[in-house]
């Protein structure tokens, strides 16, 4: 999740691309895991981190 968070913050890659790069085949599964680990959805994290 740390790598995904860095990529969400520092790149314009889509959430789908980032999810696949860190081993998830489903954006839904990635989003749920990210929310569990970070307390917010990937899109919300991206907006607040920038």
C-alpha atoms as a PDB file:
ATOM      1  CA  UNK A   1       0.000   0.000   0.000  1.00  0.00           C
ATOM      2  CA  UNK A   2       2.916   2.342   0.582  1.00  0.00           C
ATOM      3  CA  UNK A   3       4.017   1.992  -3.050  1.00  0.00           C
ATOM      4  CA  UNK A   4       0.449   2.528  -4.247  1.00  0.00           C
ATOM      5  CA  UNK A   5       0.123   5.635  -2.064  1.00  0.00           C
ATOM      6  CA  UNK A   6       3.357   7.054  -3.477  1.00  0.00           C
ATOM      7  CA  UNK A   7       2.192   6.428  -7.039  1.00  0.00           C
ATOM      8  CA  UNK A   8      -1.217   7.979  -6.324  1.00  0.00           C
ATOM      9  CA  UNK A   9       0.487  11.059  -4.933  1.00  0.00           C
ATOM     10  CA  UNK A  10       3.289  11.444  -7.464  1.00  0.00           C
ATOM     11  CA  UNK A  11       1.913  10.205 -10.796  1.00  0.00           C
ATOM     12  CA  UNK A  12      -1.118  10.647 -13.002  1.00  0.00           C
ATOM     13  CA  UNK A  13      -1.491   6.881 -13.491  1.00  0.00           C
ATOM     14  CA  UNK A  14      -5.049   5.625 -13.227  1.00  0.00           C
ATOM     15  CA  UNK A  15      -6.168   3.788 -10.124  1.00  0.00           C
ATOM     16  CA  UNK A  16      -6.623   0.708 -12.324  1.00  0.00           C
ATOM     17  CA  UNK A  17      -3.002   0.864 -13.499  1.00  0.00           C
ATOM     18  CA  UNK A  18      -1.720   1.320  -9.966  1.00  0.00           C
ATOM     19  CA  UNK A  19      -3.905  -1.502  -8.647  1.00  0.00           C
ATOM     20  CA  UNK A  20      -2.554  -3.899 -11.257  1.00  0.00           C
ATOM     21  CA  UNK A  21       1.044  -2.817 -10.647  1.00  0.00           C
ATOM     22  CA  UNK A  22       0.794  -3.707  -6.960  1.00  0.00           C
ATOM     23  CA  UNK A  23      -0.802  -7.097  -7.611  1.00  0.00           C
ATOM     24  CA  UNK A  24      -4.560  -6.591  -7.645  1.00  0.00           C
ATOM     25  CA  UNK A  25      -6.641  -7.827 -10.572  1.00  0.00           C
ATOM     26  CA  UNK A  26      -9.707  -5.907  -9.414  1.00  0.00           C
ATOM     27  CA  UNK A  27      -9.900  -2.168  -8.808  1.00  0.00           C
ATOM     28  CA  UNK A  28     -12.722  -2.858  -6.359  1.00  0.00           C
ATOM     29  CA  UNK A  29     -10.547  -5.185  -4.276  1.00  0.00           C
ATOM     30  CA  UNK A  30      -7.666  -2.712  -4.371  1.00  0.00           C
ATOM     31  CA  UNK A  31      -9.916   0.165  -3.323  1.00  0.00           C
ATOM     32  CA  UNK A  32     -11.304  -1.799  -0.379  1.00  0.00           C
ATOM     33  CA  UNK A  33      -7.823  -2.831   0.764  1.00  0.00           C
ATOM     34  CA  UNK A  34      -6.481   0.697   0.333  1.00  0.00           C
ATOM     35  CA  UNK A  35      -9.375   2.141   2.347  1.00  0.00           C
ATOM     36  CA  UNK A  36      -8.789  -0.453   5.085  1.00  0.00           C
ATOM     37  CA  UNK A  37      -5.074   0.397   5.239  1.00  0.00           C
ATOM     38  CA  UNK A  38      -5.209   4.180   4.794  1.00  0.00           C
ATOM     39  CA  UNK A  39      -8.673   5.147   6.020  1.00  0.00           C
ATOM     40  CA  UNK A  40      -9.773   6.721   2.737  1.00  0.00           C
ATOM     41  CA  UNK A  41     -10.438   5.706  -0.849  1.00  0.00           C
ATOM     42  CA  UNK A  42      -7.607   5.948  -3.387  1.00  0.00           C
ATOM     43  CA  UNK A  43      -9.216   8.896  -5.183  1.00  0.00           C
ATOM     44  CA  UNK A  44      -9.723  10.794  -1.945  1.00  0.00           C
ATOM     45  CA  UNK A  45      -6.143  10.073  -0.941  1.00  0.00           C
ATOM     46  CA  UNK A  46      -4.884  11.369  -4.288  1.00  0.00           C
ATOM     47  CA  UNK A  47      -6.840  14.623  -3.956  1.00  0.00           C
ATOM     48  CA  UNK A  48      -5.768  15.262  -0.362  1.00  0.00           C
ATOM     49  CA  UNK A  49      -2.112  14.293  -0.914  1.00  0.00           C
ATOM     50  CA  UNK A  50      -1.553  16.715  -3.764  1.00  0.00           C
END
